[in-house]
C-alpha cells in the first residue's frame, strides 16, 4: 500500500526538525531530520531566498528513499511535503542551529 501525501494540509503527520543552518544572504545549508509514522530520517537541503523567490533543494539518501518505499510511503510526495514545510516555516528549530546571524 502506497500512502499519497499530495493531499496533506498544514496539519500532516510529518514533523521536520532543522538541527543546523549555515549561510548567507542568498543561500543557506540546512541539516535536519524528519519523522513520519514514528520513523526518523536525516536530510540535507540548500535554501534559496532571493532569486525567483523562496526555494529548497532537498536531498534524501538512496537508503532513506528505499526505506520509505518499503514502509509504504511515496518518497516524491513526502519530499514535496518536507520542502513545503521548510519554505513555510512549519518546522522545529534546534536552539544552536542558527549560525552567522541567519535563521531558517
Protein backbone atom coordinates (compact mmCIF):
# COMPACT_ATOMS: atom_id res chain seq x y z
CA UNK A 1 0.00 0.00 0.00
CA UNK A 2 1.43 3.37 -1.07
CA UNK A 3 0.46 6.37 1.03
CA UNK A 4 -0.11 9.51 -1.05
CA UNK A 5 0.97 12.75 0.64
CA UNK A 6 -0.16 15.03 -2.18
CA UNK A 7 -3.39 15.98 -0.39
CA UNK A 8 -1.88 16.63 3.05
CA UNK A 9 -2.65 20.00 4.59
CA UNK A 10 -0.70 22.03 7.11
CA UNK A 11 -1.53 19.53 9.88
CA UNK A 12 0.06 16.44 8.39
CA UNK A 13 1.79 13.82 10.49
CA UNK A 14 5.26 14.75 9.19
CA UNK A 15 7.47 16.59 11.69
CA UNK A 16 10.52 18.44 10.35
CA UNK A 17 13.47 19.38 12.58
CA UNK A 18 16.34 21.66 11.49
CA UNK A 19 19.45 20.88 13.51
CA UNK A 20 21.98 23.06 11.64
CA UNK A 21 21.75 26.14 9.46
CA UNK A 22 24.74 27.94 7.93
CA UNK A 23 24.73 30.50 5.21
CA UNK A 24 24.50 33.98 3.91
CA UNK A 25 22.05 36.40 2.38
CA UNK A 26 21.27 34.35 -0.74
CA UNK A 27 21.51 30.71 0.33
CA UNK A 28 21.77 28.57 3.46
CA UNK A 29 22.73 24.95 4.02
CA UNK A 30 20.29 23.10 6.25
CA UNK A 31 20.80 19.79 8.00
CA UNK A 32 17.96 18.13 9.79
CA UNK A 33 15.68 15.20 10.24
CA UNK A 34 12.04 14.38 9.70
CA UNK A 35 9.72 11.97 11.43
CA UNK A 36 6.83 10.21 9.71
CA UNK A 37 4.81 7.46 11.39
CA UNK A 38 7.45 7.08 14.12
CA UNK A 39 10.24 6.57 11.54
CA UNK A 40 13.07 9.11 11.66
CA UNK A 41 15.29 10.09 8.69
CA UNK A 42 18.02 12.67 8.03
CA UNK A 43 18.11 15.21 5.20
CA UNK A 44 20.30 17.95 3.81
CA UNK A 45 18.99 20.97 1.93
CA UNK A 46 20.02 24.22 0.32
CA UNK A 47 17.56 27.06 0.93
CA UNK A 48 17.49 29.92 -1.59
CA UNK A 49 15.62 33.07 -0.71
CA UNK A 50 16.24 35.87 -3.18
CA UNK A 51 16.43 34.80 -6.82
CA UNK A 52 13.00 33.73 -8.05
CA UNK A 53 11.52 33.61 -4.56
CA UNK A 54 11.93 31.02 -1.84
CA UNK A 55 13.07 27.58 -2.92
CA UNK A 56 14.50 24.46 -1.28
CA UNK A 57 16.76 21.86 -2.86
CA UNK A 58 16.22 18.86 -0.58
CA UNK A 59 18.30 15.68 -0.66
CA UNK A 60 17.47 12.30 0.78
CA UNK A 61 19.86 9.38 0.61
CA UNK A 62 19.06 6.38 -1.58
CA UNK A 63 18.85 4.30 1.58
CA UNK A 64 16.22 6.67 3.03
CA UNK A 65 14.20 6.59 -0.20
CA UNK A 66 14.29 2.78 -0.29
CA UNK A 67 13.29 2.52 3.38
CA UNK A 68 10.39 4.91 2.82
CA UNK A 69 9.17 2.83 -0.13
CA UNK A 70 9.47 -0.41 1.85
CA UNK A 71 7.30 1.15 4.57
CA UNK A 72 4.58 2.12 2.09
CA UNK A 73 5.41 5.81 1.66
CA UNK A 74 5.60 7.82 -1.55
CA UNK A 75 9.09 9.42 -1.36
CA UNK A 76 8.38 12.04 -4.04
CA UNK A 77 5.19 13.31 -2.40
CA UNK A 78 6.84 13.22 1.03
CA UNK A 79 9.81 15.19 -0.31
CA UNK A 80 7.40 17.89 -1.57
CA UNK A 81 5.69 17.99 1.82
CA UNK A 82 9.02 18.50 3.63
CA UNK A 83 10.03 21.23 1.15
CA UNK A 84 6.70 22.98 1.71
CA UNK A 85 7.15 22.84 5.48
CA UNK A 86 10.69 24.26 5.21
CA UNK A 87 9.55 27.14 2.99
CA UNK A 88 6.53 27.95 5.16
CA UNK A 89 8.48 27.66 8.41
CA UNK A 90 6.39 24.75 9.71
CA UNK A 91 9.49 23.28 11.39
CA UNK A 92 11.12 22.79 14.77
CA UNK A 93 14.49 24.54 15.04
CA UNK A 94 17.18 23.43 17.48
CA UNK A 95 18.43 26.29 19.69
CA UNK A 96 22.01 26.01 18.45
CA UNK A 97 21.14 25.63 14.75
CA UNK A 98 21.45 29.31 13.83
CA UNK A 99 24.93 30.34 12.65
CA UNK A 100 26.26 33.71 11.46
CA UNK A 101 23.07 35.56 12.39
CA UNK A 102 20.81 33.86 9.84
CA UNK A 103 17.87 31.65 10.66
CA UNK A 104 15.52 29.46 8.67
